[in-house]
N, C-alpha and C. Protein backbone atom coordinates (compact mmCIF):
# COMPACT_ATOMS: atom_id res chain seq x y z
N MET A 1 99.49 103.10 121.18
CA MET A 1 100.52 103.52 120.22
C MET A 1 100.90 102.37 119.38
N GLU A 2 100.87 101.15 119.90
CA GLU A 2 101.17 100.00 119.05
C GLU A 2 100.18 99.79 118.00
N ASN A 3 98.90 100.03 118.28
CA ASN A 3 97.87 99.96 117.27
C ASN A 3 98.15 100.85 116.08
N LEU A 4 98.57 102.12 116.39
CA LEU A 4 98.97 103.10 115.33
C LEU A 4 100.05 102.56 114.48
N HIS A 5 101.11 101.98 115.10
CA HIS A 5 102.22 101.41 114.38
C HIS A 5 101.80 100.27 113.39
N LYS A 6 100.86 99.43 113.93
CA LYS A 6 100.31 98.32 113.10
C LYS A 6 99.57 98.91 111.94
N LEU A 7 98.73 99.89 112.24
CA LEU A 7 98.00 100.53 111.11
C LEU A 7 98.94 101.19 110.10
N TYR A 8 99.96 101.78 110.59
CA TYR A 8 100.94 102.47 109.71
C TYR A 8 101.61 101.39 108.74
N ARG A 9 102.01 100.30 109.39
CA ARG A 9 102.69 99.19 108.60
C ARG A 9 101.70 98.67 107.53
N LYS A 10 100.44 98.51 107.91
CA LYS A 10 99.41 98.06 107.02
C LYS A 10 99.21 98.82 105.79
N PHE A 11 99.29 100.16 105.98
CA PHE A 11 99.07 101.12 104.91
C PHE A 11 100.26 101.90 104.34
N LYS A 12 101.47 101.52 104.71
CA LYS A 12 102.61 102.25 104.42
C LYS A 12 102.86 102.32 102.89
N ASP A 13 102.36 101.27 102.17
CA ASP A 13 102.59 101.17 100.75
C ASP A 13 101.28 101.68 99.90
N ALA A 14 100.50 102.46 100.58
CA ALA A 14 99.30 102.96 99.90
C ALA A 14 99.59 103.84 98.74
N SER A 15 98.84 103.76 97.64
CA SER A 15 98.98 104.70 96.56
C SER A 15 98.48 106.08 97.00
N LEU A 16 98.89 107.08 96.17
CA LEU A 16 98.39 108.41 96.44
C LEU A 16 96.89 108.47 96.20
N GLU A 17 96.41 107.76 95.34
CA GLU A 17 94.93 107.75 95.09
C GLU A 17 94.21 107.13 96.27
N GLU A 18 94.71 106.04 96.83
CA GLU A 18 94.21 105.50 98.09
C GLU A 18 94.30 106.38 99.24
N LEU A 19 95.47 107.07 99.42
CA LEU A 19 95.55 108.02 100.47
C LEU A 19 94.56 109.15 100.32
N ARG A 20 94.36 109.69 99.15
CA ARG A 20 93.39 110.75 98.85
C ARG A 20 92.01 110.29 99.23
N ALA A 21 91.73 109.07 98.84
CA ALA A 21 90.33 108.54 99.16
C ALA A 21 90.17 108.32 100.76
N ARG A 22 91.12 107.91 101.37
CA ARG A 22 91.03 107.62 102.82
C ARG A 22 91.02 108.89 103.56
N LEU A 23 91.76 109.90 103.13
CA LEU A 23 91.62 111.29 103.83
C LEU A 23 90.22 111.95 103.59
N ALA A 24 89.78 111.75 102.34
CA ALA A 24 88.45 112.29 102.05
C ALA A 24 87.34 111.67 102.91
N LYS A 25 87.54 110.34 103.07
CA LYS A 25 86.49 109.61 103.92
C LYS A 25 86.71 110.05 105.35
N PHE A 26 87.95 110.16 105.84
CA PHE A 26 88.17 110.58 107.26
C PHE A 26 87.57 111.90 107.48
N ALA A 27 87.66 112.84 106.55
CA ALA A 27 87.15 114.18 106.74
C ALA A 27 85.62 114.16 106.71
N LYS A 28 85.11 113.39 105.77
CA LYS A 28 83.66 113.41 105.55
C LYS A 28 82.92 112.84 106.78
N VAL A 29 83.30 111.64 107.26
CA VAL A 29 82.60 111.02 108.33
C VAL A 29 82.73 111.85 109.64
N ARG A 30 83.71 112.69 109.70
CA ARG A 30 83.86 113.57 110.92
C ARG A 30 83.30 114.96 110.63
N ASN A 31 82.77 115.19 109.45
CA ASN A 31 82.22 116.53 109.16
C ASN A 31 83.29 117.55 109.10
N LEU A 32 84.55 117.18 108.76
CA LEU A 32 85.66 118.10 108.80
C LEU A 32 85.89 118.67 107.39
N ASP A 33 85.29 118.09 106.32
CA ASP A 33 85.55 118.54 105.01
C ASP A 33 85.03 119.96 104.70
N GLN A 34 84.19 120.44 105.62
CA GLN A 34 83.72 121.86 105.46
C GLN A 34 84.75 122.83 106.01
N TYR A 35 85.74 122.35 106.83
CA TYR A 35 86.74 123.16 107.42
C TYR A 35 88.15 123.02 106.83
N HIS A 36 88.43 121.84 106.39
CA HIS A 36 89.77 121.44 105.91
C HIS A 36 89.79 120.97 104.50
N SER A 37 90.87 121.28 103.79
CA SER A 37 91.07 120.67 102.52
C SER A 37 91.86 119.38 102.72
N LEU A 38 91.82 118.55 101.74
CA LEU A 38 92.63 117.25 101.88
C LEU A 38 94.03 117.59 102.01
N ARG A 39 94.56 118.58 101.29
CA ARG A 39 95.97 119.05 101.46
C ARG A 39 96.28 119.38 102.93
N ASN A 40 95.50 120.20 103.53
CA ASN A 40 95.64 120.60 104.93
C ASN A 40 95.66 119.41 105.91
N LEU A 41 94.70 118.43 105.65
CA LEU A 41 94.68 117.22 106.53
C LEU A 41 95.92 116.47 106.39
N LEU A 42 96.33 116.31 105.12
CA LEU A 42 97.62 115.45 104.89
C LEU A 42 98.75 116.17 105.53
N LEU A 43 98.94 117.47 105.44
CA LEU A 43 100.08 118.18 106.05
C LEU A 43 100.01 117.96 107.55
N ALA A 44 98.84 118.09 108.12
CA ALA A 44 98.73 117.93 109.56
C ALA A 44 99.09 116.60 110.05
N LEU A 45 98.67 115.63 109.26
CA LEU A 45 99.01 114.22 109.59
C LEU A 45 100.51 113.95 109.49
N LEU A 46 101.08 114.53 108.46
CA LEU A 46 102.59 114.35 108.22
C LEU A 46 103.33 115.00 109.38
N VAL A 47 102.89 116.26 109.73
CA VAL A 47 103.64 116.98 110.76
C VAL A 47 103.49 116.16 112.08
N ASP A 48 102.42 115.58 112.31
CA ASP A 48 102.14 114.87 113.57
C ASP A 48 103.01 113.66 113.51
N VAL A 49 103.00 112.84 112.49
CA VAL A 49 103.69 111.55 112.39
C VAL A 49 105.26 111.81 112.46
N CYS A 50 105.69 112.83 111.71
CA CYS A 50 107.10 113.11 111.63
C CYS A 50 107.63 113.92 112.86
N GLY A 51 106.76 114.47 113.69
CA GLY A 51 107.19 115.22 114.77
C GLY A 51 107.84 116.57 114.53
N LEU A 52 107.49 117.08 113.36
CA LEU A 52 108.03 118.39 112.88
C LEU A 52 107.56 119.64 113.60
N ASP A 53 108.40 120.53 113.76
CA ASP A 53 107.91 121.89 114.21
C ASP A 53 107.66 122.64 112.97
N LEU A 54 106.42 122.75 112.44
CA LEU A 54 106.14 123.28 111.20
C LEU A 54 106.58 124.76 111.10
N GLY A 55 106.35 125.54 112.12
CA GLY A 55 106.83 126.92 112.12
C GLY A 55 108.26 127.06 111.93
N GLN A 56 109.05 126.28 112.67
CA GLN A 56 110.52 126.36 112.57
C GLN A 56 110.96 125.88 111.13
N THR A 57 110.36 124.82 110.67
CA THR A 57 110.64 124.33 109.31
C THR A 57 110.43 125.39 108.26
N ALA A 58 109.24 126.07 108.39
CA ALA A 58 108.88 127.03 107.34
C ALA A 58 109.83 128.32 107.44
N LEU A 59 110.17 128.74 108.60
CA LEU A 59 111.14 129.80 108.75
C LEU A 59 112.59 129.41 108.24
N SER A 60 113.05 128.21 108.43
CA SER A 60 114.25 127.81 107.93
C SER A 60 114.28 127.75 106.40
N LYS A 61 113.15 127.35 105.82
CA LYS A 61 113.03 127.30 104.39
C LYS A 61 112.99 128.80 103.73
N ILE A 62 112.36 129.69 104.52
CA ILE A 62 112.39 131.07 104.03
C ILE A 62 113.80 131.63 104.10
N VAL A 63 114.61 131.33 105.10
CA VAL A 63 115.97 131.88 105.22
C VAL A 63 116.76 131.23 104.07
N LYS A 64 116.60 129.95 103.85
CA LYS A 64 117.37 129.19 102.83
C LYS A 64 117.00 129.80 101.46
N ASN A 65 115.76 130.05 101.20
CA ASN A 65 115.34 130.61 99.90
C ASN A 65 115.79 132.02 99.75
N THR A 66 115.85 132.78 100.79
CA THR A 66 116.37 134.19 100.74
C THR A 66 117.79 134.15 100.24
N GLN A 67 118.61 133.25 100.70
CA GLN A 67 119.96 133.16 100.31
C GLN A 67 120.10 132.62 98.89
N LYS A 68 119.20 131.67 98.57
CA LYS A 68 119.30 131.03 97.24
C LYS A 68 118.81 131.99 96.14
N TYR A 69 117.81 132.86 96.43
CA TYR A 69 117.17 133.74 95.48
C TYR A 69 117.33 135.19 95.97
N PRO A 70 118.48 135.83 96.00
CA PRO A 70 118.61 137.18 96.49
C PRO A 70 117.81 138.14 95.62
N ILE A 71 117.51 139.35 96.20
CA ILE A 71 116.80 140.38 95.45
C ILE A 71 117.77 140.99 94.45
N LEU A 72 117.51 141.03 93.15
CA LEU A 72 118.38 141.69 92.19
C LEU A 72 117.99 143.07 91.99
N ASP A 73 118.91 143.92 91.96
CA ASP A 73 118.68 145.37 91.64
C ASP A 73 118.63 145.70 90.20
């Protein structure tokens, strides 16, 4: 786990272009690019790093948007 934190600190200031390139390389060398888009890989990594419950987060956002944007008759 400490190695992961060192790696995070090393790349925490990466530009979006560098992040895109690294994710593309990550997917390509593992032959994942045929199954996952860069967007999906990024979301999966963020969810993992942040410890989010993606399902619960999405449901909460739906409820919030339902209140924010009610159906108008």
